[in-house]
């Protein structure tokens, strides 16, 4: 069952004798990180990554790949929503990225308390994460739709931030339920349904406080894929939430920060 372990699992799967035989006729790359798949490869990896992600939700590479492989019919709908919005059209035209090379973290850390940008920096510090860990999209053939998926992926932490959710597993499930109600991506719905079975009874009970909020709030809020977050850094975060139709969930319990961004957050001066 090698598909469940190893950082290069997808690459090895694509090189396996069974899969490599199906690679004839696969199209050329449509963008630099693109990995074109045959129909068989797509089905093979969808099942494998789905099972791996279900058995171990902490496997971010499996969750990300499964998200891409199952997003097909939803991405054109999200793109249409973006095209119907002035902000969304600007995002598709300019294709901004969210990482420490494109966002001035020092500038955000110097924004006044109460602004969205400052809240984002504070969230990064409290959670101990960094925006530089989002993997590039590989398995979506259309370059524009691939960008829509990349945009969702890079904005995921912003959804955590604006809903005041930490990054612990139970709260990740809550955000996935919120995202499913708001965006409709199949992976988010499957994660919200399947992942709780691996939690303790106490954490499952805790989810019962949050999931109704996630579904109601996510379903009623503006489609967050249309928000040009980088233009909102200096906006009051409570005003932004009211504009987007987001209200606060039950208070979350914040644990110790993860280690992956401890050095980065110190450099941002927070």
Protein backbone atom coordinates (compact mmCIF):
# COMPACT_ATOMS: atom_id res chain seq x y z
CA UNK A 1 0.00 0.00 0.00
CA UNK A 2 2.76 2.42 -0.94
CA UNK A 3 0.20 4.98 -2.02
CA UNK A 4 -0.35 5.90 1.62
CA UNK A 5 3.22 6.92 2.43
CA UNK A 6 6.15 8.80 1.05
CA UNK A 7 6.46 12.37 -0.20
CA UNK A 8 6.82 11.25 -3.81
CA UNK A 9 3.83 8.91 -3.81
CA UNK A 10 2.03 10.54 -6.75
CA UNK A 11 5.13 10.65 -8.90
CA UNK A 12 5.81 6.97 -8.23
CA UNK A 13 2.18 6.11 -8.97
CA UNK A 14 2.39 7.82 -12.34
CA UNK A 15 5.54 5.84 -13.15
CA UNK A 16 4.04 2.47 -12.21
CA UNK A 17 3.74 -0.09 -15.03
CA UNK A 18 -0.05 -0.12 -14.83
CA UNK A 19 -0.41 3.64 -15.11
CA UNK A 20 2.44 4.33 -17.51
CA UNK A 21 0.78 2.11 -20.08
CA UNK A 22 -2.12 4.52 -20.18
CA UNK A 23 -0.02 7.61 -20.83
CA UNK A 24 -0.13 7.34 -24.60
CA UNK A 25 -2.15 10.19 -26.02
CA UNK A 26 -1.82 12.41 -22.94
CA UNK A 27 -1.58 16.05 -23.97
CA UNK A 28 1.40 18.34 -23.45
CA UNK A 29 1.72 20.67 -20.50
CA UNK A 30 -0.67 23.63 -20.51
CA UNK A 31 1.30 25.53 -17.83
CA UNK A 32 4.64 24.96 -16.05
CA UNK A 33 3.38 22.83 -13.12
CA UNK A 34 0.80 20.93 -15.18
CA UNK A 35 0.84 17.13 -15.10
CA UNK A 36 -1.54 15.93 -17.86
CA UNK A 37 -3.43 12.74 -17.02
CA UNK A 38 -5.19 10.14 -19.09
CA UNK A 39 -8.70 9.12 -18.08
CA UNK A 40 -7.35 5.99 -16.42
CA UNK A 41 -4.68 7.91 -14.52
CA UNK A 42 -7.25 10.41 -13.34
CA UNK A 43 -9.51 7.66 -11.99
CA UNK A 44 -6.59 5.75 -10.46
CA UNK A 45 -5.24 8.77 -8.60
CA UNK A 46 -8.68 9.97 -7.54
CA UNK A 47 -9.38 6.70 -5.74
CA UNK A 48 -5.88 6.44 -4.28
CA UNK A 49 -5.58 9.99 -3.02
CA UNK A 50 -9.16 9.93 -1.71
CA UNK A 51 -8.50 6.84 0.38
CA UNK A 52 -5.19 8.21 1.62
CA UNK A 53 -6.73 11.53 2.60
CA UNK A 54 -9.60 9.80 4.38
CA UNK A 55 -7.28 7.52 6.36
CA UNK A 56 -4.94 10.37 7.27
CA UNK A 57 -6.43 13.87 6.93
CA UNK A 58 -3.05 15.34 7.93
CA UNK A 59 -1.59 14.24 4.60
CA UNK A 60 -1.81 17.63 2.95
CA UNK A 61 -0.38 16.35 -0.34
CA UNK A 62 -3.12 13.73 -0.64
CA UNK A 63 -5.86 16.17 0.34
CA UNK A 64 -4.59 18.73 -2.19
CA UNK A 65 -4.34 16.22 -5.04
CA UNK A 66 -7.77 14.77 -4.28
CA UNK A 67 -9.19 18.29 -4.26
CA UNK A 68 -7.86 18.94 -7.75
CA UNK A 69 -8.93 15.60 -9.14
CA UNK A 70 -12.54 16.01 -7.98
CA UNK A 71 -13.00 19.74 -8.67
CA UNK A 72 -13.76 19.43 -12.40
CA UNK A 73 -17.43 20.45 -12.75
CA UNK A 74 -17.32 23.01 -9.93
CA UNK A 75 -14.42 25.16 -11.16
CA UNK A 76 -16.23 26.57 -14.25
CA UNK A 77 -19.08 27.58 -11.94
CA UNK A 78 -16.66 29.38 -9.60
CA UNK A 79 -15.02 31.08 -12.59
CA UNK A 80 -18.44 32.25 -13.77
CA UNK A 81 -19.09 33.76 -10.36
CA UNK A 82 -15.77 35.56 -10.57
CA UNK A 83 -16.57 36.85 -14.04
CA UNK A 84 -19.89 38.20 -12.76
CA UNK A 85 -18.09 40.24 -10.08
CA UNK A 86 -15.93 43.31 -10.59
CA UNK A 87 -13.45 42.07 -8.00
CA UNK A 88 -13.56 38.57 -9.42
CA UNK A 89 -12.82 39.79 -12.94
CA UNK A 90 -9.84 41.75 -11.61
CA UNK A 91 -8.52 38.62 -9.89
CA UNK A 92 -8.76 36.57 -13.07
CA UNK A 93 -7.07 39.32 -15.07
CA UNK A 94 -4.22 40.04 -12.66
CA UNK A 95 -3.86 36.54 -11.13
CA UNK A 96 -2.40 37.64 -7.79
CA UNK A 97 -0.63 35.10 -5.59
CA UNK A 98 -0.49 34.94 -1.79
CA UNK A 99 2.89 34.11 -0.30
CA UNK A 100 5.71 35.93 1.47
CA UNK A 101 7.25 36.95 -1.86
CA UNK A 102 4.11 38.67 -3.11
CA UNK A 103 2.61 40.04 0.11
CA UNK A 104 4.52 42.57 2.22
CA UNK A 105 4.20 40.91 5.61
CA UNK A 106 6.08 43.70 7.36
CA UNK A 107 3.59 46.23 6.01
CA UNK A 108 0.67 44.11 7.21
CA UNK A 109 2.23 43.78 10.66
CA UNK A 110 2.35 47.59 10.88
CA UNK A 111 -1.32 48.06 10.05
CA UNK A 112 -3.57 49.22 12.91
CA UNK A 113 -5.26 46.69 15.16
CA UNK A 114 -8.70 45.83 13.83
CA UNK A 115 -7.71 45.82 10.17
CA UNK A 116 -7.97 42.63 8.15
CA UNK A 117 -4.28 42.64 7.24
CA UNK A 118 -3.24 42.93 10.87
CA UNK A 119 -5.73 40.22 11.83
CA UNK A 120 -4.19 37.94 9.20
CA UNK A 121 -0.67 38.45 10.57
CA UNK A 122 -1.92 37.82 14.10
CA UNK A 123 -3.66 34.63 12.93
CA UNK A 124 -0.47 33.40 11.23
CA UNK A 125 1.47 34.00 14.44
CA UNK A 126 -1.10 32.36 16.71
CA UNK A 127 -1.34 29.30 14.48
CA UNK A 128 2.36 29.16 13.62
CA UNK A 129 1.77 28.73 9.89
CA UNK A 130 3.04 30.44 6.75
CA UNK A 131 1.41 31.12 3.36
CA UNK A 132 4.43 29.56 1.63
CA UNK A 133 3.29 25.95 2.13
CA UNK A 134 0.57 25.87 -0.54
CA UNK A 135 1.51 23.43 -3.28
CA UNK A 136 1.06 24.36 -6.95
CA UNK A 137 -1.86 22.91 -8.90
CA UNK A 138 -0.89 20.01 -11.18
CA UNK A 139 -3.88 18.01 -12.42
CA UNK A 140 -6.32 20.58 -13.85
CA UNK A 141 -5.91 20.93 -17.62
CA UNK A 142 -7.35 24.39 -18.25
CA UNK A 143 -4.87 27.09 -17.13
CA UNK A 144 -7.56 29.54 -16.02
CA UNK A 145 -9.40 26.88 -14.01
CA UNK A 146 -6.08 25.79 -12.56
CA UNK A 147 -5.59 29.35 -11.35
CA UNK A 148 -9.07 29.36 -9.77
CA UNK A 149 -8.07 26.23 -7.83
CA UNK A 150 -4.74 27.79 -6.87
CA UNK A 151 -6.56 30.91 -5.72
CA UNK A 152 -8.86 28.83 -3.49
CA UNK A 153 -5.86 27.00 -2.07
CA UNK A 154 -3.92 30.17 -1.28
CA UNK A 155 -6.98 31.88 0.22
CA UNK A 156 -7.80 28.96 2.52
CA UNK A 157 -5.90 30.50 5.45
CA UNK A 158 -7.78 33.76 4.93
CA UNK A 159 -11.02 31.85 5.40
CA UNK A 160 -9.62 30.50 8.67
CA UNK A 161 -8.66 34.02 9.68
CA UNK A 162 -11.94 35.76 8.93
CA UNK A 163 -13.93 33.01 10.68
CA UNK A 164 -11.56 32.95 13.69
CA UNK A 165 -10.73 29.26 13.28
CA UNK A 166 -7.41 27.68 14.40
CA UNK A 167 -5.71 24.95 12.36
CA UNK A 168 -6.38 21.97 14.62
CA UNK A 169 -8.08 19.02 12.90
CA UNK A 170 -11.56 19.60 14.32
CA UNK A 171 -11.52 23.26 13.26
CA UNK A 172 -10.16 22.34 9.84
CA UNK A 173 -13.27 20.20 9.42
CA UNK A 174 -15.41 23.19 10.36
CA UNK A 175 -13.71 25.37 7.75
CA UNK A 176 -14.12 22.61 5.15
CA UNK A 177 -17.86 22.53 5.89
CA UNK A 178 -17.96 26.33 5.56
CA UNK A 179 -16.08 26.13 2.25
CA UNK A 180 -18.39 23.42 0.92
CA UNK A 181 -21.46 25.52 1.69
CA UNK A 182 -19.82 28.60 0.16
CA UNK A 183 -17.90 27.18 -2.82
CA UNK A 184 -19.25 23.68 -3.42
CA UNK A 185 -15.89 21.95 -3.96
CA UNK A 186 -16.47 18.18 -3.54
CA UNK A 187 -13.28 17.62 -1.53
CA UNK A 188 -14.42 20.06 1.14
CA UNK A 189 -17.76 18.31 1.53
CA UNK A 190 -16.21 14.85 1.66
CA UNK A 191 -13.68 16.04 4.24
CA UNK A 192 -16.43 17.52 6.40
CA UNK A 193 -18.38 14.26 6.25
CA UNK A 194 -15.58 11.69 6.45
CA UNK A 195 -12.90 13.22 8.64
CA UNK A 196 -14.96 13.38 11.89
CA UNK A 197 -15.02 9.58 12.09
CA UNK A 198 -11.32 9.66 13.02
CA UNK A 199 -11.90 12.03 15.94
CA UNK A 200 -12.51 11.23 19.57
CA UNK A 201 -16.07 11.30 20.88
CA UNK A 202 -15.29 14.56 22.69
CA UNK A 203 -14.14 16.28 19.50
CA UNK A 204 -17.10 14.91 17.56
CA UNK A 205 -19.41 16.42 20.15
CA UNK A 206 -17.55 19.72 19.80
CA UNK A 207 -18.18 19.68 16.04
CA UNK A 208 -21.92 19.65 16.70
CA UNK A 209 -21.56 23.20 18.01
CA UNK A 210 -19.83 24.41 14.85
CA UNK A 211 -21.12 22.53 11.80
CA UNK A 212 -24.60 24.14 11.79
CA UNK A 213 -22.92 27.56 11.94
CA UNK A 214 -20.51 26.59 9.12
CA UNK A 215 -23.29 25.46 6.80
CA UNK A 216 -25.58 28.42 7.48
CA UNK A 217 -22.86 31.06 7.42
CA UNK A 218 -20.98 29.60 4.45
CA UNK A 219 -24.18 29.13 2.47
CA UNK A 220 -25.41 32.64 3.16
CA UNK A 221 -22.15 34.54 2.70
CA UNK A 222 -20.90 36.07 -0.51
CA UNK A 223 -18.87 33.63 -2.60
CA UNK A 224 -15.41 34.16 -1.11
CA UNK A 225 -13.63 33.18 -4.32
CA UNK A 226 -14.74 36.57 -5.68
CA UNK A 227 -13.07 38.61 -2.93
CA UNK A 228 -9.85 40.42 -3.84
CA UNK A 229 -8.38 40.03 -0.36
CA UNK A 230 -5.20 41.90 -1.18
CA UNK A 231 -7.27 45.06 -1.69
CA UNK A 232 -8.90 44.59 1.71
CA UNK A 233 -5.85 44.51 4.00
CA UNK A 234 -6.53 47.98 5.46
CA UNK A 235 -10.30 47.46 5.83
CA UNK A 236 -11.77 47.02 9.29
CA UNK A 237 -12.21 43.28 9.74
CA UNK A 238 -15.63 43.55 11.40
CA UNK A 239 -16.85 45.79 8.59
CA UNK A 240 -15.49 43.30 6.06
CA UNK A 241 -17.31 40.42 7.73
CA UNK A 242 -20.58 42.35 7.68
CA UNK A 243 -20.08 43.15 4.00
CA UNK A 244 -19.46 39.50 3.17
CA UNK A 245 -22.31 38.20 5.34
CA UNK A 246 -20.07 36.38 7.83
CA UNK A 247 -20.89 36.20 11.51
CA UNK A 248 -18.80 34.77 14.33
CA UNK A 249 -18.92 31.05 15.20
CA UNK A 250 -18.90 29.76 18.79
CA UNK A 251 -15.52 30.67 20.35
CA UNK A 252 -12.71 28.29 19.42
CA UNK A 253 -10.06 26.88 21.74
CA UNK A 254 -6.59 27.94 20.61
CA UNK A 255 -3.66 25.60 21.22
CA UNK A 256 0.08 26.02 20.86
CA UNK A 257 1.35 27.36 17.50
CA UNK A 258 2.78 24.95 14.95
CA UNK A 259 6.53 25.16 14.40
CA UNK A 260 6.63 25.67 10.65
CA UNK A 261 6.46 29.47 10.73
CA UNK A 262 7.90 30.42 14.09
CA UNK A 263 10.91 32.08 12.50
CA UNK A 264 8.87 33.82 9.84
CA UNK A 265 6.39 35.33 12.28
CA UNK A 266 9.25 36.67 14.41
CA UNK A 267 10.65 38.37 11.32
CA UNK A 268 7.28 40.06 10.77
CA UNK A 269 7.62 41.70 14.18
CA UNK A 270 4.47 40.25 15.76
